[in-house]
Amino acid sequence: MERFENQRWTSQEVARLIAVFESERRYFDEMVTTLPVPVATVNGDGAILSANQAFLRQFRVNREELERKSLAIVFGDAGWRAALM
């Protein structure tokens, strides 16, 4: 759906794009959840947004401990870098 500068998105096009985005996000979440290797997603500030079961097992943490905390807080300032290597 390519647009030129003077064209606007219709509400139907926006709704379709949002639906596609949500579908892709769910697919990504399901894929990451089932991976046998530890995976965590973090934002630009290093706050953990999500982690799969393999991550929780590997680093012996529970989901509540991770919720919106930074990697540095959970693993220690230098420890999180070593844990990810």
Protein backbone atom coordinates (compact mmCIF):
# COMPACT_ATOMS: atom_id res chain seq x y z
CA MET A 1 0.00 0.00 0.00
CA GLU A 2 2.25 2.74 -1.22
CA ARG A 3 1.12 6.33 -0.67
CA PHE A 4 2.14 9.61 -2.17
CA GLU A 5 2.56 12.64 0.07
CA ASN A 6 -0.84 14.12 -0.75
CA GLN A 7 -2.81 10.88 -0.30
CA ARG A 8 -4.41 9.87 2.98
CA TRP A 9 -5.09 6.42 4.40
CA THR A 10 -8.71 5.40 4.60
CA SER A 11 -10.00 4.05 7.89
CA GLN A 12 -10.41 0.61 6.25
CA GLU A 13 -6.77 0.62 5.14
CA VAL A 14 -5.61 1.63 8.61
CA ALA A 15 -7.75 -1.09 10.19
CA ARG A 16 -6.30 -3.66 7.78
CA LEU A 17 -2.73 -2.59 8.56
CA ILE A 18 -3.40 -2.79 12.30
CA ALA A 19 -4.88 -6.27 11.89
CA VAL A 20 -1.83 -7.42 9.90
CA PHE A 21 0.51 -5.94 12.49
CA GLU A 22 -1.32 -7.66 15.37
CA SER A 23 -1.28 -10.98 13.51
CA GLU A 24 2.46 -10.71 12.90
CA ARG A 25 3.08 -9.75 16.53
CA ARG A 26 1.15 -12.80 17.77
CA TYR A 27 3.10 -15.03 15.36
CA PHE A 28 6.41 -13.62 16.64
CA ASP A 29 5.34 -14.04 20.27
CA GLU A 30 4.32 -17.66 19.70
CA MET A 31 7.56 -18.41 17.87
CA VAL A 32 9.73 -16.91 20.61
CA THR A 33 7.75 -18.68 23.33
CA THR A 34 8.48 -22.10 21.85
CA LEU A 35 12.19 -21.61 21.15
CA PRO A 36 14.41 -23.94 23.20
CA VAL A 37 17.02 -21.19 23.66
CA PRO A 38 16.76 -18.26 26.09
CA VAL A 39 15.26 -15.16 24.47
CA ALA A 40 14.25 -11.85 26.01
CA THR A 41 13.06 -8.67 24.36
CA VAL A 42 14.18 -5.36 25.79
CA ASN A 43 13.39 -1.76 24.97
CA GLY A 44 15.92 0.96 24.22
CA ASP A 45 16.49 1.60 27.92
CA GLY A 46 17.28 -2.05 28.61
CA ALA A 47 13.96 -2.76 30.36
CA ILE A 48 12.87 -6.35 29.84
CA LEU A 49 9.58 -6.48 27.96
CA SER A 50 9.22 -10.25 27.70
CA ALA A 51 11.17 -13.47 28.15
CA ASN A 52 10.51 -17.04 27.12
CA GLN A 53 10.49 -20.08 29.45
CA ALA A 54 14.00 -21.09 28.40
CA PHE A 55 15.25 -17.66 29.55
CA LEU A 56 13.48 -17.99 32.89
CA ARG A 57 14.95 -21.47 33.45
CA GLN A 58 18.47 -20.56 32.29
CA PHE A 59 18.75 -17.55 34.56
CA ARG A 60 16.64 -18.95 37.42
CA VAL A 61 14.24 -16.02 37.55
CA ASN A 62 10.47 -15.81 37.46
CA ARG A 63 8.35 -13.59 35.29
CA GLU A 64 7.44 -11.27 38.18
CA GLU A 65 11.12 -10.60 38.88
CA LEU A 66 11.62 -9.48 35.30
CA GLU A 67 8.54 -7.36 34.77
CA ARG A 68 9.66 -3.96 33.46
CA LYS A 69 13.02 -4.19 35.21
CA SER A 70 16.25 -3.53 33.41
CA LEU A 71 18.78 -6.23 32.66
CA ALA A 72 21.25 -4.37 34.88
CA ILE A 73 18.90 -4.55 37.89
CA VAL A 74 18.04 -8.23 37.43
CA PHE A 75 21.58 -9.47 36.74
CA GLY A 76 23.72 -6.74 38.25
CA ASP A 77 25.37 -3.98 36.28
CA ALA A 78 28.22 -6.08 34.87
CA GLY A 79 26.65 -9.50 35.35
CA TRP A 80 23.98 -9.12 32.67
CA ARG A 81 26.57 -8.63 29.94
CA ALA A 82 28.41 -11.80 31.02
CA ALA A 83 25.12 -13.72 31.24
CA LEU A 84 24.34 -12.92 27.62
CA MET A 85 27.73 -13.93 26.24
